[in-house]
Amino acid sequence: MGGMKNKHAADRNWASERVLGRYEAVRYLEEAVKGGISLSQALEAASERAWNGRYYSVPTLERWYYAYRSGGFKALRVETRSDKGVSRSFSPGTSEALARLRRQHPKMCATTLLRHMEAEGIVTAGGVSLSSLYRELRRLGLDRRALKAGGRSGGQCRAAKGIRDELEQ
């Protein structure tokens, strides 16, 4: 239980460091503009500097700049998504269709599963990324590792099987 308390404290500290880094970048922009440099030049220069060890794009820095101007320090806070951990790509019906398709074809590669779902009209073409599909399969316990651990042969794509066979020789 004590470990959980420390984890939350570490999360808060990390978020605070991020906000302070954002604030430092915004203050740099403000000072540059006050010093007669155009905002676009200041943004370009700021994007080439590290802020708490990270580099940020011009659009990101500009978004922070205007957020700070309209909402102050609070506007720079890191907000956790209210739907964190919930897939926005998969409705319950889509998730159920994916599970059914995976159970029918456990050896089918994820890219083929996705193409099949697009062809059947279960998902719109380009509406679901391959990484989202992998995450959903993992959440459902239907990824290759889970299938293999459950005693079913998950199979492998030809390229992966060929590489494994070469390594075993």
N, C-alpha and C. Protein backbone atom coordinates (compact mmCIF):
# COMPACT_ATOMS: atom_id res chain seq x y z
N MET A 1 0.82 -1.19 0.00
CA MET A 1 0.00 0.00 0.00
C MET A 1 0.86 1.25 0.00
N GLY A 2 1.96 1.22 0.73
CA GLY A 2 2.85 2.37 0.80
C GLY A 2 3.49 2.66 -0.55
N GLY A 3 3.72 1.60 -1.36
CA GLY A 3 4.30 1.78 -2.69
C GLY A 3 3.37 2.57 -3.59
N MET A 4 2.06 2.37 -3.41
CA MET A 4 1.09 3.07 -4.22
C MET A 4 1.11 4.56 -3.91
N LYS A 5 1.28 4.89 -2.62
CA LYS A 5 1.33 6.29 -2.21
C LYS A 5 2.52 6.98 -2.87
N ASN A 6 3.68 6.30 -2.89
CA ASN A 6 4.88 6.86 -3.50
C ASN A 6 4.71 7.03 -5.00
N LYS A 7 4.00 6.10 -5.65
CA LYS A 7 3.78 6.18 -7.09
C LYS A 7 2.99 7.44 -7.41
N HIS A 8 1.90 7.70 -6.65
CA HIS A 8 1.09 8.88 -6.90
C HIS A 8 1.87 10.16 -6.63
N ALA A 9 2.70 10.15 -5.61
CA ALA A 9 3.52 11.32 -5.31
C ALA A 9 4.51 11.56 -6.45
N ALA A 10 5.08 10.48 -6.99
CA ALA A 10 6.02 10.62 -8.11
C ALA A 10 5.30 11.16 -9.34
N ASP A 11 4.06 10.69 -9.58
CA ASP A 11 3.28 11.20 -10.72
C ASP A 11 3.03 12.69 -10.58
N ARG A 12 2.69 13.14 -9.37
CA ARG A 12 2.44 14.56 -9.14
C ARG A 12 3.71 15.38 -9.36
N ASN A 13 4.84 14.86 -8.87
CA ASN A 13 6.11 15.57 -9.06
C ASN A 13 6.47 15.65 -10.53
N TRP A 14 6.26 14.56 -11.26
CA TRP A 14 6.57 14.55 -12.68
C TRP A 14 5.68 15.56 -13.40
N ALA A 15 4.39 15.61 -13.07
CA ALA A 15 3.48 16.56 -13.70
C ALA A 15 3.92 17.99 -13.38
N SER A 16 4.34 18.22 -12.16
CA SER A 16 4.79 19.56 -11.77
C SER A 16 6.02 19.98 -12.56
N GLU A 17 6.94 19.05 -12.76
CA GLU A 17 8.13 19.35 -13.54
C GLU A 17 7.74 19.70 -14.97
N ARG A 18 6.77 19.00 -15.51
CA ARG A 18 6.31 19.30 -16.87
C ARG A 18 5.71 20.69 -16.95
N VAL A 19 4.88 21.03 -15.97
CA VAL A 19 4.25 22.35 -15.97
C VAL A 19 5.31 23.43 -15.84
N LEU A 20 6.28 23.22 -14.97
CA LEU A 20 7.35 24.21 -14.80
C LEU A 20 8.17 24.36 -16.08
N GLY A 21 8.40 23.26 -16.77
CA GLY A 21 9.09 23.32 -18.05
C GLY A 21 8.30 24.12 -19.08
N ARG A 22 7.00 23.92 -19.10
CA ARG A 22 6.14 24.68 -20.01
C ARG A 22 6.19 26.17 -19.65
N TYR A 23 6.13 26.43 -18.35
CA TYR A 23 6.15 27.82 -17.89
C TYR A 23 7.48 28.50 -18.29
N GLU A 24 8.57 27.77 -18.12
CA GLU A 24 9.88 28.30 -18.48
C GLU A 24 9.93 28.66 -19.97
N ALA A 25 9.38 27.79 -20.80
CA ALA A 25 9.36 28.05 -22.25
C ALA A 25 8.50 29.27 -22.57
N VAL A 26 7.33 29.37 -21.92
CA VAL A 26 6.43 30.51 -22.16
C VAL A 26 7.09 31.80 -21.71
N ARG A 27 7.75 31.79 -20.57
CA ARG A 27 8.43 33.00 -20.09
C ARG A 27 9.55 33.41 -21.05
N TYR A 28 10.25 32.46 -21.60
CA TYR A 28 11.28 32.74 -22.60
C TYR A 28 10.65 33.46 -23.79
N LEU A 29 9.51 32.94 -24.25
CA LEU A 29 8.81 33.56 -25.39
C LEU A 29 8.36 34.97 -25.05
N GLU A 30 7.80 35.15 -23.86
CA GLU A 30 7.33 36.48 -23.45
C GLU A 30 8.49 37.48 -23.41
N GLU A 31 9.60 37.07 -22.82
CA GLU A 31 10.76 37.96 -22.72
C GLU A 31 11.31 38.30 -24.10
N ALA A 32 11.33 37.33 -24.98
CA ALA A 32 11.83 37.57 -26.33
C ALA A 32 10.95 38.58 -27.07
N VAL A 33 9.63 38.41 -26.93
CA VAL A 33 8.69 39.32 -27.59
C VAL A 33 8.81 40.72 -26.99
N LYS A 34 8.94 40.81 -25.67
CA LYS A 34 9.12 42.11 -25.01
C LYS A 34 10.42 42.77 -25.46
N GLY A 35 11.42 41.96 -25.79
CA GLY A 35 12.71 42.47 -26.23
C GLY A 35 12.73 42.86 -27.71
N GLY A 36 11.59 42.77 -28.38
CA GLY A 36 11.51 43.21 -29.76
C GLY A 36 11.63 42.12 -30.81
N ILE A 37 11.74 40.89 -30.38
CA ILE A 37 11.82 39.77 -31.34
C ILE A 37 10.39 39.37 -31.70
N SER A 38 10.15 39.04 -32.95
CA SER A 38 8.80 38.63 -33.35
C SER A 38 8.47 37.28 -32.71
N LEU A 39 7.19 37.05 -32.51
CA LEU A 39 6.78 35.79 -31.89
C LEU A 39 7.22 34.61 -32.74
N SER A 40 7.12 34.71 -34.05
CA SER A 40 7.52 33.58 -34.90
C SER A 40 9.02 33.27 -34.75
N GLN A 41 9.84 34.31 -34.64
CA GLN A 41 11.28 34.09 -34.44
C GLN A 41 11.54 33.49 -33.06
N ALA A 42 10.84 33.99 -32.06
CA ALA A 42 11.00 33.47 -30.70
C ALA A 42 10.57 32.01 -30.63
N LEU A 43 9.47 31.67 -31.29
CA LEU A 43 8.99 30.29 -31.31
C LEU A 43 10.01 29.37 -31.98
N GLU A 44 10.56 29.83 -33.08
CA GLU A 44 11.56 29.04 -33.81
C GLU A 44 12.78 28.80 -32.92
N ALA A 45 13.25 29.84 -32.24
CA ALA A 45 14.40 29.71 -31.35
C ALA A 45 14.08 28.79 -30.17
N ALA A 46 12.89 28.92 -29.62
CA ALA A 46 12.50 28.09 -28.47
C ALA A 46 12.39 26.62 -28.86
N SER A 47 11.99 26.36 -30.09
CA SER A 47 11.85 24.96 -30.54
C SER A 47 13.21 24.28 -30.68
N GLU A 48 14.27 25.06 -30.75
CA GLU A 48 15.62 24.50 -30.90
C GLU A 48 16.32 24.31 -29.55
N ARG A 49 15.64 24.71 -28.48
CA ARG A 49 16.20 24.57 -27.12
C ARG A 49 15.52 23.41 -26.40
N ALA A 50 16.24 22.84 -25.47
CA ALA A 50 15.66 21.78 -24.63
C ALA A 50 15.01 22.42 -23.41
N TRP A 51 13.81 21.98 -23.09
CA TRP A 51 13.07 22.46 -21.92
C TRP A 51 12.88 21.25 -21.03
N ASN A 52 13.57 21.24 -19.89
CA ASN A 52 13.59 20.07 -18.99
C ASN A 52 13.99 18.82 -19.76
N GLY A 53 14.98 18.98 -20.64
CA GLY A 53 15.50 17.83 -21.37
C GLY A 53 14.71 17.40 -22.59
N ARG A 54 13.66 18.14 -22.93
CA ARG A 54 12.83 17.77 -24.09
C ARG A 54 12.74 18.94 -25.06
N TYR A 55 12.59 18.60 -26.32
CA TYR A 55 12.38 19.60 -27.36
C TYR A 55 10.92 19.58 -27.78
N TYR A 56 10.38 20.76 -28.07
CA TYR A 56 8.98 20.86 -28.46
C TYR A 56 8.85 21.58 -29.78
N SER A 57 7.82 21.25 -30.51
CA SER A 57 7.59 21.86 -31.83
C SER A 57 7.06 23.28 -31.68
N VAL A 58 7.17 24.04 -32.77
CA VAL A 58 6.66 25.41 -32.79
C VAL A 58 5.16 25.44 -32.47
N PRO A 59 4.31 24.58 -33.08
CA PRO A 59 2.88 24.63 -32.75
C PRO A 59 2.59 24.34 -31.27
N THR A 60 3.33 23.43 -30.67
CA THR A 60 3.14 23.12 -29.25
C THR A 60 3.48 24.33 -28.40
N LEU A 61 4.63 24.92 -28.66
CA LEU A 61 5.05 26.10 -27.90
C LEU A 61 4.07 27.26 -28.09
N GLU A 62 3.58 27.42 -29.29
CA GLU A 62 2.61 28.50 -29.56
C GLU A 62 1.30 28.25 -28.81
N ARG A 63 0.86 27.00 -28.77
CA ARG A 63 -0.36 26.65 -28.03
C ARG A 63 -0.20 26.98 -26.56
N TRP A 64 0.96 26.65 -25.98
CA TRP A 64 1.22 26.96 -24.58
C TRP A 64 1.25 28.47 -24.36
N TYR A 65 1.86 29.19 -25.27
CA TYR A 65 1.98 30.64 -25.16
C TYR A 65 0.60 31.28 -25.06
N TYR A 66 -0.27 30.93 -25.99
CA TYR A 66 -1.61 31.52 -25.98
C TYR A 66 -2.47 31.00 -24.83
N ALA A 67 -2.27 29.76 -24.45
CA ALA A 67 -3.00 29.22 -23.29
C ALA A 67 -2.62 29.99 -22.03
N TYR A 68 -1.33 30.25 -21.87
CA TYR A 68 -0.85 30.98 -20.71
C TYR A 68 -1.39 32.42 -20.71
N ARG A 69 -1.38 33.04 -21.87
CA ARG A 69 -1.88 34.42 -21.96
C ARG A 69 -3.36 34.51 -21.62
N SER A 70 -4.13 33.50 -21.97
CA SER A 70 -5.57 33.57 -21.69
C SER A 70 -5.94 32.99 -20.33
N GLY A 71 -5.16 32.02 -19.83
CA GLY A 71 -5.55 31.36 -18.59
C GLY A 71 -4.54 31.34 -17.48
N GLY A 72 -3.37 31.95 -17.71
CA GLY A 72 -2.34 31.97 -16.68
C GLY A 72 -1.68 30.63 -16.46
N PHE A 73 -1.01 30.50 -15.33
CA PHE A 73 -0.25 29.30 -15.00
C PHE A 73 -1.11 28.04 -15.01
N LYS A 74 -2.37 28.18 -14.55
CA LYS A 74 -3.27 27.02 -14.50
C LYS A 74 -3.50 26.40 -15.87
N ALA A 75 -3.45 27.23 -16.91
CA ALA A 75 -3.69 26.74 -18.27
C ALA A 75 -2.56 25.83 -18.76
N LEU A 76 -1.43 25.84 -18.08
CA LEU A 76 -0.30 25.00 -18.48
C LEU A 76 -0.30 23.64 -17.79
N ARG A 77 -1.26 23.44 -16.88
CA ARG A 77 -1.31 22.16 -16.16
C ARG A 77 -1.51 21.00 -17.11
N VAL A 78 -0.99 19.87 -16.70
CA VAL A 78 -1.14 18.64 -17.45
C VAL A 78 -2.43 17.98 -17.00
N GLU A 79 -3.38 17.91 -17.88
CA GLU A 79 -4.66 17.30 -17.55
C GLU A 79 -4.68 15.86 -18.05
N THR A 80 -5.07 14.96 -17.19
CA THR A 80 -5.22 13.57 -17.57
C THR A 80 -6.54 13.43 -18.32
N ARG A 81 -6.51 12.70 -19.41
CA ARG A 81 -7.74 12.49 -20.17
C ARG A 81 -8.77 11.80 -19.30
N SER A 82 -10.01 12.24 -19.39
CA SER A 82 -11.07 11.63 -18.59
C SER A 82 -11.35 10.21 -19.04
N ASP A 83 -11.03 9.89 -20.29
CA ASP A 83 -11.26 8.53 -20.80
C ASP A 83 -9.97 7.73 -20.90
N LYS A 84 -9.00 8.07 -20.05
CA LYS A 84 -7.71 7.39 -20.07
C LYS A 84 -7.92 5.88 -19.89
N GLY A 85 -7.29 5.11 -20.75
CA GLY A 85 -7.39 3.66 -20.67
C GLY A 85 -8.56 3.09 -21.45
N VAL A 86 -9.40 3.94 -22.00
CA VAL A 86 -10.55 3.49 -22.78
C VAL A 86 -10.26 3.78 -24.24
N SER A 87 -10.41 2.78 -25.08
CA SER A 87 -10.14 2.97 -26.50
C SER A 87 -11.21 3.83 -27.13
N ARG A 88 -10.79 4.83 -27.88
CA ARG A 88 -11.74 5.67 -28.61
C ARG A 88 -11.99 5.09 -29.99
N SER A 89 -11.15 4.16 -30.43
CA SER A 89 -11.28 3.57 -31.76
C SER A 89 -12.27 2.41 -31.78
N PHE A 90 -12.46 1.77 -30.63
CA PHE A 90 -13.27 0.57 -30.59
C PHE A 90 -14.51 0.75 -29.73
N SER A 91 -15.66 0.73 -30.37
CA SER A 91 -16.92 0.72 -29.62
C SER A 91 -17.09 -0.71 -29.10
N PRO A 92 -18.00 -0.93 -28.16
CA PRO A 92 -18.21 -2.30 -27.69
C PRO A 92 -18.55 -3.27 -28.82
N GLY A 93 -19.33 -2.83 -29.79
CA GLY A 93 -19.69 -3.69 -30.92
C GLY A 93 -18.50 -4.02 -31.80
N THR A 94 -17.64 -3.01 -32.03
CA THR A 94 -16.45 -3.22 -32.84
C THR A 94 -15.48 -4.15 -32.13
N SER A 95 -15.35 -3.98 -30.84
CA SER A 95 -14.48 -4.82 -30.04
C SER A 95 -14.98 -6.27 -30.06
N GLU A 96 -16.28 -6.44 -29.96
CA GLU A 96 -16.87 -7.77 -30.00
C GLU A 96 -16.63 -8.43 -31.37
N ALA A 97 -16.76 -7.65 -32.44
CA ALA A 97 -16.52 -8.17 -33.79
C ALA A 97 -15.06 -8.58 -33.95
N LEU A 98 -14.14 -7.79 -33.41
CA LEU A 98 -12.72 -8.12 -33.46
C LEU A 98 -12.45 -9.42 -32.71
N ALA A 99 -13.03 -9.56 -31.52
CA ALA A 99 -12.84 -10.78 -30.72
C ALA A 99 -13.38 -12.00 -31.47
N ARG A 100 -14.54 -11.86 -32.08
CA ARG A 100 -15.14 -12.97 -32.81
C ARG A 100 -14.25 -13.37 -34.00
N LEU A 101 -13.77 -12.36 -34.73
CA LEU A 101 -12.91 -12.61 -35.89
C LEU A 101 -11.60 -13.26 -35.46
N ARG A 102 -11.02 -12.80 -34.36
CA ARG A 102 -9.75 -13.36 -33.88
C ARG A 102 -9.94 -14.81 -33.45
N ARG A 103 -11.08 -15.11 -32.80
CA ARG A 103 -11.33 -16.49 -32.36
C ARG A 103 -11.56 -17.42 -33.55
N GLN A 104 -12.17 -16.89 -34.61
CA GLN A 104 -12.40 -17.69 -35.82
C GLN A 104 -11.09 -17.94 -36.57
N HIS A 105 -10.18 -16.96 -36.53
CA HIS A 105 -8.92 -17.03 -37.27
C HIS A 105 -7.75 -16.67 -36.36
N PRO A 106 -7.41 -17.54 -35.41
CA PRO A 106 -6.37 -17.20 -34.44
C PRO A 106 -4.98 -17.01 -35.05
N LYS A 107 -4.73 -17.56 -36.24
CA LYS A 107 -3.40 -17.44 -36.85
C LYS A 107 -3.30 -16.23 -37.78
N MET A 108 -4.39 -15.50 -37.96
CA MET A 108 -4.39 -14.36 -38.88
C MET A 108 -3.57 -13.21 -38.28
N CYS A 109 -2.67 -12.64 -39.08
CA CYS A 109 -1.86 -11.50 -38.65
C CYS A 109 -2.76 -10.29 -38.39
N ALA A 110 -2.31 -9.41 -37.54
CA ALA A 110 -3.11 -8.24 -37.17
C ALA A 110 -3.41 -7.35 -38.37
N THR A 111 -2.46 -7.21 -39.28
CA THR A 111 -2.71 -6.37 -40.46
C THR A 111 -3.83 -6.97 -41.32
N THR A 112 -3.85 -8.27 -41.41
CA THR A 112 -4.91 -8.94 -42.18
C THR A 112 -6.24 -8.81 -41.45
N LEU A 113 -6.22 -8.93 -40.14
CA LEU A 113 -7.45 -8.72 -39.35
C LEU A 113 -8.02 -7.33 -39.62
N LEU A 114 -7.15 -6.33 -39.59
CA LEU A 114 -7.59 -4.96 -39.81
C LEU A 114 -8.14 -4.78 -41.21
N ARG A 115 -7.45 -5.31 -42.22
CA ARG A 115 -7.94 -5.21 -43.60
C ARG A 115 -9.28 -5.89 -43.76
N HIS A 116 -9.44 -7.03 -43.12
CA HIS A 116 -10.71 -7.77 -43.18
C HIS A 116 -11.84 -6.95 -42.54
N MET A 117 -11.55 -6.35 -41.39
CA MET A 117 -12.57 -5.53 -40.71
C MET A 117 -12.95 -4.32 -41.54
N GLU A 118 -11.98 -3.74 -42.25
CA GLU A 118 -12.27 -2.61 -43.14
C GLU A 118 -13.11 -3.06 -44.33
N ALA A 119 -12.76 -4.21 -44.91
CA ALA A 119 -13.49 -4.73 -46.07
C ALA A 119 -14.94 -5.08 -45.71
N GLU A 120 -15.14 -5.57 -44.50
CA GLU A 120 -16.48 -5.95 -44.04
C GLU A 120 -17.30 -4.74 -43.56
N GLY A 121 -16.65 -3.57 -43.47
CA GLY A 121 -17.35 -2.37 -43.02
C GLY A 121 -17.50 -2.29 -41.51
N ILE A 122 -16.75 -3.11 -40.79
CA ILE A 122 -16.80 -3.09 -39.32
C ILE A 122 -16.14 -1.82 -38.81
N VAL A 123 -15.05 -1.43 -39.47
CA VAL A 123 -14.37 -0.16 -39.17
C VAL A 123 -14.17 0.57 -40.49
N THR A 124 -14.06 1.88 -40.42
CA THR A 124 -13.81 2.65 -41.64
C THR A 124 -12.34 2.54 -42.00
N ALA A 125 -12.06 2.55 -43.29
CA ALA A 125 -10.68 2.47 -43.76
C ALA A 125 -9.88 3.64 -43.19
N GLY A 126 -8.79 3.33 -42.52
CA GLY A 126 -7.95 4.36 -41.92
C GLY A 126 -8.47 4.88 -40.59
N GLY A 127 -9.61 4.38 -40.14
CA GLY A 127 -10.21 4.84 -38.89
C GLY A 127 -9.60 4.22 -37.64
N VAL A 128 -8.92 3.10 -37.82
CA VAL A 128 -8.29 2.40 -36.70
C VAL A 128 -6.84 2.14 -37.08
N SER A 129 -5.93 2.55 -36.22
CA SER A 129 -4.51 2.29 -36.49
C SER A 129 -4.16 0.87 -36.07
N LEU A 130 -3.08 0.39 -36.63
CA LEU A 130 -2.61 -0.95 -36.29
C LEU A 130 -2.24 -1.04 -34.81
N SER A 131 -1.65 0.04 -34.27
CA SER A 131 -1.28 0.02 -32.85
C SER A 131 -2.52 -0.04 -31.96
N SER A 132 -3.61 0.62 -32.37
CA SER A 132 -4.86 0.54 -31.59
C SER A 132 -5.41 -0.88 -31.63
N LEU A 133 -5.30 -1.52 -32.79
CA LEU A 133 -5.77 -2.90 -32.91
C LEU A 133 -4.96 -3.82 -32.00
N TYR A 134 -3.63 -3.64 -31.99
CA TYR A 134 -2.78 -4.45 -31.10
C TYR A 134 -3.17 -4.23 -29.63
N ARG A 135 -3.38 -2.98 -29.24
CA ARG A 135 -3.76 -2.69 -27.85
C ARG A 135 -5.09 -3.35 -27.50
N GLU A 136 -6.04 -3.29 -28.43
CA GLU A 136 -7.36 -3.88 -28.16
C GLU A 136 -7.26 -5.39 -28.07
N LEU A 137 -6.47 -6.01 -28.94
CA LEU A 137 -6.27 -7.46 -28.84
C LEU A 137 -5.64 -7.84 -27.51
N ARG A 138 -4.67 -7.04 -27.05
CA ARG A 138 -4.02 -7.29 -25.77
C ARG A 138 -5.03 -7.14 -24.63
N ARG A 139 -5.87 -6.10 -24.70
CA ARG A 139 -6.88 -5.86 -23.67
C ARG A 139 -7.87 -7.02 -23.60
N LEU A 140 -8.21 -7.57 -24.76
CA LEU A 140 -9.16 -8.68 -24.83
C LEU A 140 -8.51 -10.02 -24.48
N GLY A 141 -7.18 -10.03 -24.33
CA GLY A 141 -6.47 -11.28 -24.06
C GLY A 141 -6.38 -12.15 -25.30
N LEU A 142 -6.41 -11.51 -26.48
CA LEU A 142 -6.39 -12.25 -27.73
C LEU A 142 -5.18 -11.90 -28.60
N ASP A 143 -4.15 -11.34 -27.98
CA ASP A 143 -2.92 -11.10 -28.72
C ASP A 143 -2.18 -12.42 -28.87
N ARG A 144 -1.18 -12.46 -29.71
CA ARG A 144 -0.47 -13.72 -29.99
C ARG A 144 0.13 -14.35 -28.74
N ARG A 145 0.71 -13.54 -27.89
CA ARG A 145 1.32 -14.10 -26.67
C ARG A 145 0.27 -14.76 -25.80
N ALA A 146 -0.86 -14.08 -25.62
CA ALA A 146 -1.91 -14.65 -24.78
C ALA A 146 -2.48 -15.92 -25.38
N LEU A 147 -2.67 -15.92 -26.69
CA LEU A 147 -3.18 -17.13 -27.35
C LEU A 147 -2.20 -18.28 -27.22
N LYS A 148 -0.92 -17.97 -27.37
CA LYS A 148 0.10 -19.01 -27.27
C LYS A 148 0.19 -19.54 -25.84
N ALA A 149 0.11 -18.64 -24.87
CA ALA A 149 0.17 -19.04 -23.46
C ALA A 149 -1.05 -19.85 -23.07
N GLY A 150 -2.17 -19.61 -23.74
CA GLY A 150 -3.41 -20.34 -23.45
C GLY A 150 -3.44 -21.71 -24.08
N GLY A 151 -2.35 -22.09 -24.74
CA GLY A 151 -2.29 -23.43 -25.31
C GLY A 151 -2.62 -23.46 -26.78
N ARG A 152 -3.20 -22.39 -27.30
CA ARG A 152 -3.51 -22.35 -28.72
C ARG A 152 -2.28 -21.87 -29.47
N SER A 153 -2.12 -22.36 -30.66
CA SER A 153 -1.00 -21.88 -31.47
C SER A 153 -1.39 -20.57 -32.11
N GLY A 154 -0.71 -19.52 -31.74
CA GLY A 154 -1.01 -18.22 -32.32
C GLY A 154 -0.46 -18.07 -33.73
N GLY A 155 0.48 -18.93 -34.12
CA GLY A 155 1.07 -18.82 -35.44
C GLY A 155 1.97 -17.61 -35.53
N GLN A 156 2.61 -17.46 -36.65
CA GLN A 156 3.48 -16.31 -36.86
C GLN A 156 3.36 -15.90 -38.31
N CYS A 157 3.64 -14.64 -38.57
CA CYS A 157 3.71 -14.18 -39.95
C CYS A 157 4.92 -14.86 -40.58
N ARG A 158 4.89 -15.09 -41.88
CA ARG A 158 5.95 -15.82 -42.57
C ARG A 158 7.34 -15.23 -42.30
N ALA A 159 7.45 -13.92 -42.33
CA ALA A 159 8.77 -13.28 -42.15
C ALA A 159 9.36 -13.62 -40.78
N ALA A 160 8.54 -13.52 -39.74
CA ALA A 160 9.02 -13.81 -38.39
C ALA A 160 9.40 -15.27 -38.25
N LYS A 161 8.60 -16.17 -38.85
CA LYS A 161 8.89 -17.59 -38.79
C LYS A 161 10.21 -17.90 -39.50
N GLY A 162 10.43 -17.26 -40.65
CA GLY A 162 11.67 -17.48 -41.40
C GLY A 162 12.88 -17.03 -40.61
N ILE A 163 12.80 -15.91 -39.96
CA ILE A 163 13.91 -15.39 -39.15
C ILE A 163 14.19 -16.34 -37.99
N ARG A 164 13.11 -16.81 -37.32
CA ARG A 164 13.29 -17.73 -36.20
C ARG A 164 13.94 -19.03 -36.65
N ASP A 165 13.49 -19.54 -37.80
CA ASP A 165 14.06 -20.78 -38.31
C ASP A 165 15.55 -20.62 -38.63
N GLU A 166 15.94 -19.46 -39.19
CA GLU A 166 17.36 -19.21 -39.49
C GLU A 166 18.18 -19.16 -38.22
N LEU A 167 17.65 -18.54 -37.17
CA LEU A 167 18.39 -18.42 -35.91
C LEU A 167 18.57 -19.77 -35.23
N GLU A 168 17.61 -20.68 -35.41
CA GLU A 168 17.68 -21.99 -34.76
C GLU A 168 18.69 -22.91 -35.41
N GLN A 169 19.07 -22.65 -36.65
CA GLN A 169 20.01 -23.53 -37.37
C GLN A 169 21.43 -23.34 -36.94
